[in-house]
Amino acid sequence: MHIYGKRRNRVYLIVFALSRVFWLSLLSLLAAGFGFILQIIAGRTLLQLLVSDENRGQITGLYVMASTGAVPIGNLIAGALASKIGSSNTVILGASICIAGSIFFMQQISTFRDLVRLNLRTEGA
């Protein structure tokens, strides 16, 4: 579900960047927002499953700090890039980079699955 949400919300961002119809832009942003929600929930769930109980609070704190702290930096980079290549092209470029990242993550998913299973067995024993 996480991979599906991640790829899907980026595709909807590309649709938004290319759209010149108001209602289509609204629908694509609604769908992209839903994909972002799926991504956040799945990412935090994966984090909870991979981290031991003793370190969970510290790692979750670092995750939240990194994810919220990266947003202003990304906005600054996107704004600078948009002034050079245009806002639509910036959104398309950012969404394409994220799609490439999700494809890379999809190739690594079996490793995460094995780590989660190992961690669940260790905690259950």
N, C-alpha and C. Protein backbone atom coordinates (compact mmCIF):
# COMPACT_ATOMS: atom_id res chain seq x y z
N MET A 1 0.82 -1.19 0.00
CA MET A 1 0.00 0.00 0.00
C MET A 1 0.86 1.26 0.00
N HIS A 2 1.98 1.22 0.72
CA HIS A 2 2.86 2.37 0.79
C HIS A 2 3.44 2.71 -0.58
N ILE A 3 3.89 1.71 -1.30
CA ILE A 3 4.47 1.95 -2.62
C ILE A 3 3.40 2.48 -3.56
N TYR A 4 2.22 1.88 -3.50
CA TYR A 4 1.13 2.32 -4.36
C TYR A 4 0.80 3.78 -4.08
N GLY A 5 0.70 4.15 -2.83
CA GLY A 5 0.39 5.53 -2.47
C GLY A 5 1.49 6.49 -2.90
N LYS A 6 2.72 6.08 -2.73
CA LYS A 6 3.84 6.95 -3.07
C LYS A 6 3.90 7.22 -4.57
N ARG A 7 3.77 6.19 -5.37
CA ARG A 7 3.81 6.39 -6.82
C ARG A 7 2.57 7.14 -7.30
N ARG A 8 1.45 6.78 -6.75
CA ARG A 8 0.21 7.38 -7.22
C ARG A 8 0.16 8.87 -6.93
N ASN A 9 0.56 9.29 -5.73
CA ASN A 9 0.46 10.72 -5.44
C ASN A 9 1.42 11.53 -6.30
N ARG A 10 2.54 10.96 -6.70
CA ARG A 10 3.46 11.67 -7.58
C ARG A 10 2.88 11.79 -9.00
N VAL A 11 2.20 10.76 -9.45
CA VAL A 11 1.56 10.84 -10.77
C VAL A 11 0.49 11.92 -10.76
N TYR A 12 -0.27 11.99 -9.67
CA TYR A 12 -1.29 13.03 -9.58
C TYR A 12 -0.67 14.43 -9.51
N LEU A 13 0.51 14.54 -8.94
CA LEU A 13 1.20 15.83 -8.97
C LEU A 13 1.60 16.21 -10.39
N ILE A 14 2.01 15.25 -11.18
CA ILE A 14 2.33 15.53 -12.58
C ILE A 14 1.08 15.95 -13.33
N VAL A 15 -0.04 15.27 -13.06
CA VAL A 15 -1.32 15.66 -13.68
C VAL A 15 -1.65 17.11 -13.28
N PHE A 16 -1.45 17.44 -12.01
CA PHE A 16 -1.71 18.81 -11.55
C PHE A 16 -0.82 19.82 -12.28
N ALA A 17 0.46 19.49 -12.43
CA ALA A 17 1.38 20.40 -13.08
C ALA A 17 1.02 20.65 -14.54
N LEU A 18 0.47 19.63 -15.19
CA LEU A 18 0.14 19.75 -16.62
C LEU A 18 -1.27 20.26 -16.86
N SER A 19 -2.11 20.24 -15.84
CA SER A 19 -3.52 20.59 -16.01
C SER A 19 -3.71 22.09 -16.17
N ARG A 20 -4.63 22.43 -17.04
CA ARG A 20 -5.06 23.82 -17.22
C ARG A 20 -6.54 23.97 -16.93
N VAL A 21 -7.14 22.90 -16.39
CA VAL A 21 -8.56 22.88 -16.04
C VAL A 21 -8.67 22.91 -14.53
N PHE A 22 -9.42 23.87 -13.99
CA PHE A 22 -9.48 24.08 -12.55
C PHE A 22 -9.97 22.84 -11.79
N TRP A 23 -11.09 22.24 -12.22
CA TRP A 23 -11.65 21.11 -11.48
C TRP A 23 -10.73 19.89 -11.53
N LEU A 24 -10.02 19.71 -12.65
CA LEU A 24 -9.06 18.61 -12.75
C LEU A 24 -7.87 18.85 -11.82
N SER A 25 -7.44 20.09 -11.71
CA SER A 25 -6.36 20.42 -10.79
C SER A 25 -6.77 20.14 -9.35
N LEU A 26 -8.01 20.51 -8.99
CA LEU A 26 -8.49 20.25 -7.63
C LEU A 26 -8.56 18.76 -7.34
N LEU A 27 -9.09 17.99 -8.29
CA LEU A 27 -9.19 16.55 -8.08
C LEU A 27 -7.82 15.89 -7.99
N SER A 28 -6.88 16.34 -8.80
CA SER A 28 -5.54 15.75 -8.75
C SER A 28 -4.85 16.09 -7.44
N LEU A 29 -5.06 17.29 -6.91
CA LEU A 29 -4.47 17.63 -5.61
C LEU A 29 -5.13 16.85 -4.47
N LEU A 30 -6.43 16.62 -4.58
CA LEU A 30 -7.12 15.80 -3.58
C LEU A 30 -6.55 14.38 -3.58
N ALA A 31 -6.38 13.81 -4.76
CA ALA A 31 -5.83 12.45 -4.87
C ALA A 31 -4.38 12.42 -4.40
N ALA A 32 -3.60 13.43 -4.74
CA ALA A 32 -2.20 13.48 -4.30
C ALA A 32 -2.13 13.60 -2.77
N GLY A 33 -3.00 14.40 -2.18
CA GLY A 33 -3.04 14.52 -0.73
C GLY A 33 -3.36 13.21 -0.06
N PHE A 34 -4.30 12.45 -0.63
CA PHE A 34 -4.62 11.13 -0.09
C PHE A 34 -3.41 10.21 -0.16
N GLY A 35 -2.66 10.28 -1.27
CA GLY A 35 -1.45 9.48 -1.40
C GLY A 35 -0.39 9.87 -0.38
N PHE A 36 -0.28 11.17 -0.09
CA PHE A 36 0.67 11.62 0.93
C PHE A 36 0.28 11.08 2.30
N ILE A 37 -1.01 11.08 2.61
CA ILE A 37 -1.48 10.55 3.89
C ILE A 37 -1.11 9.06 3.99
N LEU A 38 -1.36 8.30 2.92
CA LEU A 38 -0.98 6.88 2.92
C LEU A 38 0.51 6.71 3.15
N GLN A 39 1.30 7.54 2.51
CA GLN A 39 2.75 7.45 2.63
C GLN A 39 3.19 7.73 4.06
N ILE A 40 2.64 8.75 4.69
CA ILE A 40 3.02 9.10 6.05
C ILE A 40 2.65 7.98 7.02
N ILE A 41 1.43 7.48 6.89
CA ILE A 41 0.97 6.41 7.79
C ILE A 41 1.82 5.16 7.61
N ALA A 42 2.07 4.77 6.38
CA ALA A 42 2.86 3.56 6.13
C ALA A 42 4.30 3.72 6.58
N GLY A 43 4.87 4.90 6.37
CA GLY A 43 6.25 5.14 6.81
C GLY A 43 6.39 5.06 8.31
N ARG A 44 5.46 5.65 9.01
CA ARG A 44 5.52 5.59 10.49
C ARG A 44 5.24 4.19 11.00
N THR A 45 4.36 3.47 10.34
CA THR A 45 4.10 2.08 10.73
C THR A 45 5.34 1.23 10.53
N LEU A 46 6.01 1.40 9.40
CA LEU A 46 7.24 0.66 9.14
C LEU A 46 8.30 0.99 10.17
N LEU A 47 8.41 2.25 10.53
CA LEU A 47 9.36 2.67 11.54
C LEU A 47 9.06 1.99 12.88
N GLN A 48 7.79 1.95 13.25
CA GLN A 48 7.40 1.31 14.52
C GLN A 48 7.74 -0.18 14.51
N LEU A 49 7.61 -0.81 13.36
CA LEU A 49 7.87 -2.24 13.27
C LEU A 49 9.36 -2.57 13.25
N LEU A 50 10.18 -1.67 12.74
CA LEU A 50 11.60 -1.94 12.59
C LEU A 50 12.43 -1.61 13.82
N VAL A 51 11.92 -0.73 14.67
CA VAL A 51 12.71 -0.24 15.80
C VAL A 51 12.31 -0.98 17.07
N SER A 52 13.28 -1.28 17.89
CA SER A 52 13.00 -1.97 19.16
C SER A 52 12.27 -1.03 20.12
N ASP A 53 11.62 -1.62 21.10
CA ASP A 53 10.83 -0.84 22.05
C ASP A 53 11.68 0.19 22.80
N GLU A 54 12.91 -0.17 23.13
CA GLU A 54 13.78 0.72 23.91
C GLU A 54 14.13 2.00 23.15
N ASN A 55 14.26 1.90 21.84
CA ASN A 55 14.69 3.05 21.03
C ASN A 55 13.57 3.71 20.25
N ARG A 56 12.37 3.21 20.37
CA ARG A 56 11.28 3.68 19.53
C ARG A 56 11.00 5.18 19.68
N GLY A 57 10.97 5.68 20.90
CA GLY A 57 10.70 7.11 21.13
C GLY A 57 11.77 8.00 20.54
N GLN A 58 13.02 7.62 20.72
CA GLN A 58 14.13 8.42 20.20
C GLN A 58 14.14 8.42 18.67
N ILE A 59 13.97 7.27 18.08
CA ILE A 59 13.99 7.17 16.62
C ILE A 59 12.78 7.88 16.01
N THR A 60 11.63 7.74 16.64
CA THR A 60 10.44 8.43 16.15
C THR A 60 10.63 9.94 16.22
N GLY A 61 11.23 10.41 17.31
CA GLY A 61 11.52 11.84 17.43
C GLY A 61 12.45 12.33 16.34
N LEU A 62 13.49 11.56 16.05
CA LEU A 62 14.41 11.93 14.97
C LEU A 62 13.71 11.93 13.61
N TYR A 63 12.85 10.93 13.41
CA TYR A 63 12.10 10.83 12.15
C TYR A 63 11.20 12.05 11.96
N VAL A 64 10.48 12.42 13.00
CA VAL A 64 9.57 13.57 12.90
C VAL A 64 10.37 14.86 12.69
N MET A 65 11.47 15.01 13.41
CA MET A 65 12.30 16.20 13.26
C MET A 65 12.87 16.29 11.84
N ALA A 66 13.34 15.17 11.32
CA ALA A 66 13.92 15.17 9.98
C ALA A 66 12.86 15.42 8.91
N SER A 67 11.69 14.79 9.07
CA SER A 67 10.67 14.95 8.04
C SER A 67 10.06 16.34 8.05
N THR A 68 9.86 16.93 9.22
CA THR A 68 9.30 18.29 9.26
C THR A 68 10.38 19.34 8.98
N GLY A 69 11.62 19.05 9.34
CA GLY A 69 12.69 20.00 9.08
C GLY A 69 13.10 20.05 7.62
N ALA A 70 12.85 18.99 6.90
CA ALA A 70 13.24 18.95 5.48
C ALA A 70 12.28 19.75 4.60
N VAL A 71 11.07 19.96 5.06
CA VAL A 71 10.06 20.66 4.24
C VAL A 71 10.49 22.08 3.89
N PRO A 72 10.92 22.92 4.85
CA PRO A 72 11.34 24.28 4.46
C PRO A 72 12.54 24.29 3.52
N ILE A 73 13.45 23.35 3.70
CA ILE A 73 14.62 23.28 2.81
C ILE A 73 14.18 22.89 1.41
N GLY A 74 13.28 21.92 1.32
CA GLY A 74 12.74 21.53 0.02
C GLY A 74 11.98 22.65 -0.64
N ASN A 75 11.22 23.41 0.15
CA ASN A 75 10.49 24.56 -0.39
C ASN A 75 11.44 25.61 -0.94
N LEU A 76 12.54 25.84 -0.24
CA LEU A 76 13.53 26.82 -0.71
C LEU A 76 14.15 26.37 -2.03
N ILE A 77 14.51 25.10 -2.11
CA ILE A 77 15.10 24.56 -3.34
C ILE A 77 14.08 24.62 -4.48
N ALA A 78 12.84 24.21 -4.20
CA ALA A 78 11.81 24.22 -5.24
C ALA A 78 11.52 25.64 -5.71
N GLY A 79 11.50 26.60 -4.79
CA GLY A 79 11.26 27.99 -5.18
C GLY A 79 12.36 28.54 -6.07
N ALA A 80 13.61 28.23 -5.71
CA ALA A 80 14.73 28.68 -6.53
C ALA A 80 14.70 28.03 -7.90
N LEU A 81 14.38 26.75 -7.93
CA LEU A 81 14.31 26.03 -9.19
C LEU A 81 13.14 26.54 -10.04
N ALA A 82 12.01 26.84 -9.40
CA ALA A 82 10.84 27.33 -10.13
C ALA A 82 11.11 28.68 -10.79
N SER A 83 11.94 29.50 -10.16
CA SER A 83 12.26 30.78 -10.78
C SER A 83 13.13 30.61 -12.02
N LYS A 84 13.82 29.49 -12.11
CA LYS A 84 14.68 29.21 -13.27
C LYS A 84 13.95 28.46 -14.38
N ILE A 85 13.18 27.40 -14.02
CA ILE A 85 12.58 26.55 -15.05
C ILE A 85 11.05 26.60 -15.07
N GLY A 86 10.45 27.33 -14.15
CA GLY A 86 8.99 27.42 -14.11
C GLY A 86 8.40 26.47 -13.07
N SER A 87 7.24 26.84 -12.56
CA SER A 87 6.63 26.05 -11.49
C SER A 87 6.15 24.68 -11.97
N SER A 88 5.54 24.61 -13.14
CA SER A 88 5.06 23.32 -13.65
C SER A 88 6.21 22.35 -13.85
N ASN A 89 7.29 22.82 -14.44
CA ASN A 89 8.44 21.96 -14.67
C ASN A 89 9.09 21.53 -13.35
N THR A 90 9.06 22.41 -12.35
CA THR A 90 9.61 22.06 -11.04
C THR A 90 8.79 20.95 -10.39
N VAL A 91 7.47 21.05 -10.46
CA VAL A 91 6.60 20.02 -9.88
C VAL A 91 6.81 18.69 -10.61
N ILE A 92 6.89 18.74 -11.92
CA ILE A 92 7.11 17.52 -12.71
C ILE A 92 8.46 16.90 -12.36
N LEU A 93 9.50 17.71 -12.25
CA LEU A 93 10.83 17.21 -11.90
C LEU A 93 10.83 16.58 -10.51
N GLY A 94 10.25 17.27 -9.54
CA GLY A 94 10.19 16.74 -8.19
C GLY A 94 9.40 15.44 -8.11
N ALA A 95 8.27 15.39 -8.80
CA ALA A 95 7.46 14.16 -8.81
C ALA A 95 8.20 13.02 -9.50
N SER A 96 8.92 13.33 -10.56
CA SER A 96 9.69 12.29 -11.27
C SER A 96 10.81 11.73 -10.41
N ILE A 97 11.48 12.60 -9.67
CA ILE A 97 12.54 12.14 -8.77
C ILE A 97 11.95 11.24 -7.68
N CYS A 98 10.78 11.62 -7.18
CA CYS A 98 10.12 10.80 -6.15
C CYS A 98 9.65 9.46 -6.70
N ILE A 99 9.19 9.44 -7.93
CA ILE A 99 8.81 8.17 -8.56
C ILE A 99 10.03 7.26 -8.69
N ALA A 100 11.17 7.84 -9.10
CA ALA A 100 12.40 7.04 -9.19
C ALA A 100 12.79 6.50 -7.81
N GLY A 101 12.62 7.32 -6.78
CA GLY A 101 12.92 6.86 -5.42
C GLY A 101 11.99 5.74 -4.98
N SER A 102 10.72 5.83 -5.36
CA SER A 102 9.79 4.76 -4.97
C SER A 102 10.09 3.46 -5.72
N ILE A 103 10.57 3.57 -6.95
CA ILE A 103 10.96 2.36 -7.69
C ILE A 103 12.17 1.72 -7.00
N PHE A 104 13.13 2.54 -6.57
CA PHE A 104 14.28 2.01 -5.84
C PHE A 104 13.82 1.35 -4.54
N PHE A 105 12.91 2.00 -3.82
CA PHE A 105 12.39 1.44 -2.57
C PHE A 105 11.66 0.13 -2.83
N MET A 106 10.92 0.06 -3.92
CA MET A 106 10.20 -1.17 -4.26
C MET A 106 11.16 -2.33 -4.46
N GLN A 107 12.33 -2.05 -5.00
CA GLN A 107 13.32 -3.09 -5.20
C GLN A 107 13.90 -3.57 -3.87
N GLN A 108 13.83 -2.72 -2.84
CA GLN A 108 14.39 -3.06 -1.53
C GLN A 108 13.34 -3.58 -0.56
N ILE A 109 12.09 -3.70 -0.98
CA ILE A 109 10.99 -4.02 -0.07
C ILE A 109 11.16 -5.38 0.59
N SER A 110 11.75 -6.36 -0.10
CA SER A 110 11.93 -7.68 0.52
C SER A 110 12.88 -7.60 1.71
N THR A 111 13.87 -6.73 1.63
CA THR A 111 14.79 -6.55 2.76
C THR A 111 14.04 -6.00 3.96
N PHE A 112 13.18 -5.00 3.74
CA PHE A 112 12.38 -4.44 4.83
C PHE A 112 11.43 -5.49 5.41
N ARG A 113 10.84 -6.27 4.54
CA ARG A 113 9.91 -7.31 4.99
C ARG A 113 10.64 -8.31 5.89
N ASP A 114 11.85 -8.70 5.49
CA ASP A 114 12.62 -9.64 6.30
C ASP A 114 13.01 -9.03 7.64
N LEU A 115 13.38 -7.75 7.65
CA LEU A 115 13.73 -7.08 8.90
C LEU A 115 12.54 -6.99 9.84
N VAL A 116 11.36 -6.69 9.29
CA VAL A 116 10.16 -6.60 10.12
C VAL A 116 9.84 -7.96 10.71
N ARG A 117 9.91 -9.01 9.91
CA ARG A 117 9.63 -10.36 10.41
C ARG A 117 10.62 -10.77 11.50
N LEU A 118 11.89 -10.45 11.28
CA LEU A 118 12.91 -10.77 12.27
C LEU A 118 12.65 -10.01 13.57
N ASN A 119 12.32 -8.75 13.46
CA ASN A 119 12.06 -7.93 14.64
C ASN A 119 10.82 -8.42 15.38
N LEU A 120 9.78 -8.79 14.66
CA LEU A 120 8.57 -9.30 15.30
C LEU A 120 8.83 -10.63 16.00
N ARG A 121 9.64 -11.49 15.40
CA ARG A 121 9.98 -12.77 16.04
C ARG A 121 10.81 -12.53 17.30
N THR A 122 11.74 -11.59 17.24
CA THR A 122 12.61 -11.29 18.39
C THR A 122 11.79 -10.73 19.55
N GLU A 123 10.85 -9.84 19.26
CA GLU A 123 10.03 -9.25 20.31
C GLU A 123 9.03 -10.26 20.87
N GLY A 124 8.56 -11.17 20.03
CA GLY A 124 7.59 -12.16 20.47
C GLY A 124 8.20 -13.28 21.28
N ALA A 125 9.51 -13.48 21.15
CA ALA A 125 10.16 -14.61 21.85
C ALA A 125 10.49 -14.30 23.27
